[in-house]
Amino acid sequence: MNTPLEDTQLYRITDAMRLLKLSRSLIYDQIRAGRLSSVKQGRARLFTANGIRKYIALLETEAAEEAA
C-alpha cells in the first residue's frame, strides 16, 4: 500500500508500523505513554493522519532539543 499520508483518514496498526518504521510493541508502548494518539472502532485500533503527523513532529522536536 503506497498511499500518501494525506489521502487516507484512518490507518490500521500495520499501516502505522510501516509509516513510522516501528514494531507493533513499540507502537503500543507509545500509545500507552500518551505520545501517539489512536482511536478505537470496535476492536480495531486506528490512527488518524493528524495523530501520526503530531507524533513525527514530537520526534523532531525531541531530536532538536537533544542536539542543542
N, C-alpha and C. Protein backbone atom coordinates (compact mmCIF):
# COMPACT_ATOMS: atom_id res chain seq x y z
N MET A 1 0.85 -1.18 0.00
CA MET A 1 0.00 0.00 0.00
C MET A 1 0.89 1.24 0.00
N ASN A 2 0.88 1.99 -1.06
CA ASN A 2 1.70 3.19 -1.19
C ASN A 2 0.84 4.45 -1.18
N THR A 3 -0.08 4.53 -0.25
CA THR A 3 -0.98 5.67 -0.16
C THR A 3 -0.31 6.80 0.60
N PRO A 4 -0.29 8.01 0.01
CA PRO A 4 0.26 9.15 0.74
C PRO A 4 -0.53 9.43 2.01
N LEU A 5 0.14 10.00 3.00
CA LEU A 5 -0.49 10.26 4.29
C LEU A 5 -1.74 11.11 4.15
N GLU A 6 -1.78 12.04 3.21
CA GLU A 6 -2.91 12.94 3.08
C GLU A 6 -4.16 12.26 2.50
N ASP A 7 -4.00 11.15 1.77
CA ASP A 7 -5.13 10.53 1.09
C ASP A 7 -5.96 9.61 1.98
N THR A 8 -5.41 9.17 3.09
CA THR A 8 -6.11 8.24 3.96
C THR A 8 -6.44 8.93 5.27
N GLN A 9 -7.62 8.69 5.79
CA GLN A 9 -8.04 9.33 7.03
C GLN A 9 -7.67 8.50 8.26
N LEU A 10 -7.81 7.18 8.15
CA LEU A 10 -7.52 6.30 9.29
C LEU A 10 -6.59 5.18 8.85
N TYR A 11 -5.66 4.84 9.74
CA TYR A 11 -4.68 3.80 9.46
C TYR A 11 -4.78 2.69 10.49
N ARG A 12 -4.63 1.47 10.06
CA ARG A 12 -4.58 0.33 10.96
C ARG A 12 -3.18 0.25 11.56
N ILE A 13 -3.03 -0.62 12.56
CA ILE A 13 -1.74 -0.76 13.24
C ILE A 13 -0.64 -1.13 12.24
N THR A 14 -0.93 -2.01 11.29
CA THR A 14 0.10 -2.41 10.33
C THR A 14 0.51 -1.24 9.44
N ASP A 15 -0.43 -0.36 9.12
CA ASP A 15 -0.10 0.84 8.34
C ASP A 15 0.80 1.78 9.14
N ALA A 16 0.45 1.98 10.41
CA ALA A 16 1.25 2.85 11.27
C ALA A 16 2.65 2.27 11.45
N MET A 17 2.75 0.96 11.59
CA MET A 17 4.06 0.32 11.71
C MET A 17 4.91 0.62 10.48
N ARG A 18 4.31 0.52 9.32
CA ARG A 18 5.03 0.76 8.06
C ARG A 18 5.40 2.23 7.92
N LEU A 19 4.47 3.13 8.20
CA LEU A 19 4.72 4.56 8.05
C LEU A 19 5.78 5.08 9.02
N LEU A 20 5.74 4.58 10.25
CA LEU A 20 6.64 5.07 11.29
C LEU A 20 7.90 4.22 11.43
N LYS A 21 7.94 3.09 10.74
CA LYS A 21 9.09 2.18 10.82
C LYS A 21 9.33 1.72 12.25
N LEU A 22 8.22 1.36 12.94
CA LEU A 22 8.28 0.90 14.32
C LEU A 22 7.63 -0.48 14.43
N SER A 23 8.05 -1.23 15.43
CA SER A 23 7.44 -2.54 15.69
C SER A 23 6.06 -2.35 16.33
N ARG A 24 5.27 -3.41 16.30
CA ARG A 24 3.94 -3.39 16.91
C ARG A 24 4.04 -3.05 18.40
N SER A 25 4.98 -3.69 19.11
CA SER A 25 5.09 -3.45 20.55
C SER A 25 5.51 -2.01 20.85
N LEU A 26 6.38 -1.44 20.03
CA LEU A 26 6.79 -0.05 20.25
C LEU A 26 5.64 0.91 19.96
N ILE A 27 4.83 0.60 18.96
CA ILE A 27 3.63 1.42 18.69
C ILE A 27 2.73 1.44 19.93
N TYR A 28 2.46 0.25 20.50
CA TYR A 28 1.60 0.18 21.67
C TYR A 28 2.25 0.85 22.88
N ASP A 29 3.57 0.77 23.02
CA ASP A 29 4.27 1.48 24.10
C ASP A 29 4.05 2.98 23.97
N GLN A 30 4.14 3.50 22.75
CA GLN A 30 3.96 4.94 22.52
C GLN A 30 2.51 5.37 22.79
N ILE A 31 1.56 4.51 22.48
CA ILE A 31 0.15 4.80 22.79
C ILE A 31 -0.03 4.88 24.31
N ARG A 32 0.49 3.88 25.03
CA ARG A 32 0.36 3.86 26.49
C ARG A 32 1.03 5.06 27.14
N ALA A 33 2.12 5.52 26.56
CA ALA A 33 2.85 6.67 27.10
C ALA A 33 2.16 7.99 26.75
N GLY A 34 1.12 7.95 25.90
CA GLY A 34 0.41 9.16 25.51
C GLY A 34 1.13 9.96 24.43
N ARG A 35 2.10 9.35 23.78
CA ARG A 35 2.87 10.04 22.75
C ARG A 35 2.28 9.88 21.36
N LEU A 36 1.53 8.82 21.15
CA LEU A 36 0.91 8.54 19.85
C LEU A 36 -0.58 8.33 20.09
N SER A 37 -1.40 9.17 19.48
CA SER A 37 -2.84 9.06 19.71
C SER A 37 -3.47 8.07 18.74
N SER A 38 -4.54 7.45 19.22
CA SER A 38 -5.27 6.49 18.40
C SER A 38 -6.74 6.52 18.81
N VAL A 39 -7.55 5.90 17.99
CA VAL A 39 -8.98 5.76 18.27
C VAL A 39 -9.33 4.29 18.13
N LYS A 40 -10.46 3.89 18.71
CA LYS A 40 -10.91 2.52 18.56
C LYS A 40 -12.22 2.49 17.80
N GLN A 41 -12.31 1.56 16.87
CA GLN A 41 -13.55 1.30 16.14
C GLN A 41 -13.82 -0.18 16.36
N GLY A 42 -14.74 -0.47 17.27
CA GLY A 42 -14.94 -1.86 17.65
C GLY A 42 -13.68 -2.35 18.35
N ARG A 43 -13.10 -3.44 17.83
CA ARG A 43 -11.86 -3.97 18.41
C ARG A 43 -10.62 -3.42 17.72
N ALA A 44 -10.81 -2.71 16.63
CA ALA A 44 -9.68 -2.21 15.84
C ALA A 44 -9.11 -0.93 16.43
N ARG A 45 -7.80 -0.88 16.52
CA ARG A 45 -7.09 0.33 16.94
C ARG A 45 -6.70 1.06 15.66
N LEU A 46 -7.11 2.32 15.54
CA LEU A 46 -6.86 3.10 14.33
C LEU A 46 -6.12 4.39 14.66
N PHE A 47 -5.38 4.88 13.69
CA PHE A 47 -4.59 6.10 13.86
C PHE A 47 -5.01 7.10 12.81
N THR A 48 -5.21 8.34 13.22
CA THR A 48 -5.54 9.39 12.26
C THR A 48 -4.25 9.90 11.61
N ALA A 49 -4.38 10.45 10.42
CA ALA A 49 -3.24 11.04 9.74
C ALA A 49 -2.65 12.16 10.59
N ASN A 50 -3.52 12.94 11.22
CA ASN A 50 -3.07 14.04 12.07
C ASN A 50 -2.31 13.52 13.29
N GLY A 51 -2.78 12.43 13.88
CA GLY A 51 -2.09 11.84 15.02
C GLY A 51 -0.69 11.36 14.65
N ILE A 52 -0.56 10.79 13.47
CA ILE A 52 0.75 10.35 13.01
C ILE A 52 1.66 11.54 12.76
N ARG A 53 1.12 12.60 12.15
CA ARG A 53 1.90 13.82 11.92
C ARG A 53 2.38 14.43 13.24
N LYS A 54 1.49 14.47 14.24
CA LYS A 54 1.86 15.02 15.54
C LYS A 54 2.98 14.20 16.20
N TYR A 55 2.92 12.89 16.06
CA TYR A 55 3.96 12.04 16.63
C TYR A 55 5.30 12.32 15.95
N ILE A 56 5.30 12.45 14.64
CA ILE A 56 6.53 12.76 13.90
C ILE A 56 7.07 14.12 14.34
N ALA A 57 6.19 15.11 14.51
CA ALA A 57 6.61 16.43 14.97
C ALA A 57 7.22 16.35 16.38
N LEU A 58 6.64 15.52 17.24
CA LEU A 58 7.18 15.32 18.58
C LEU A 58 8.59 14.76 18.51
N LEU A 59 8.80 13.77 17.65
CA LEU A 59 10.13 13.18 17.50
C LEU A 59 11.13 14.21 16.98
N GLU A 60 10.70 15.04 16.04
CA GLU A 60 11.58 16.09 15.51
C GLU A 60 11.94 17.10 16.59
N THR A 61 10.98 17.48 17.40
CA THR A 61 11.22 18.42 18.49
C THR A 61 12.21 17.84 19.50
N GLU A 62 12.00 16.59 19.86
CA GLU A 62 12.91 15.94 20.82
C GLU A 62 14.32 15.83 20.25
N ALA A 63 14.44 15.53 18.96
CA ALA A 63 15.75 15.43 18.32
C ALA A 63 16.45 16.79 18.33
N ALA A 64 15.70 17.86 18.06
CA ALA A 64 16.27 19.21 18.05
C ALA A 64 16.72 19.62 19.45
N GLU A 65 15.95 19.25 20.46
CA GLU A 65 16.31 19.59 21.85
C GLU A 65 17.57 18.85 22.27
N GLU A 66 17.72 17.60 21.83
CA GLU A 66 18.90 16.81 22.17
C GLU A 66 20.14 17.38 21.48
N ALA A 67 19.97 17.92 20.28
CA ALA A 67 21.10 18.46 19.53
C ALA A 67 21.56 19.80 20.10
N ALA A 68 20.67 20.49 20.79
CA ALA A 68 21.00 21.83 21.32
C ALA A 68 21.81 21.76 22.60
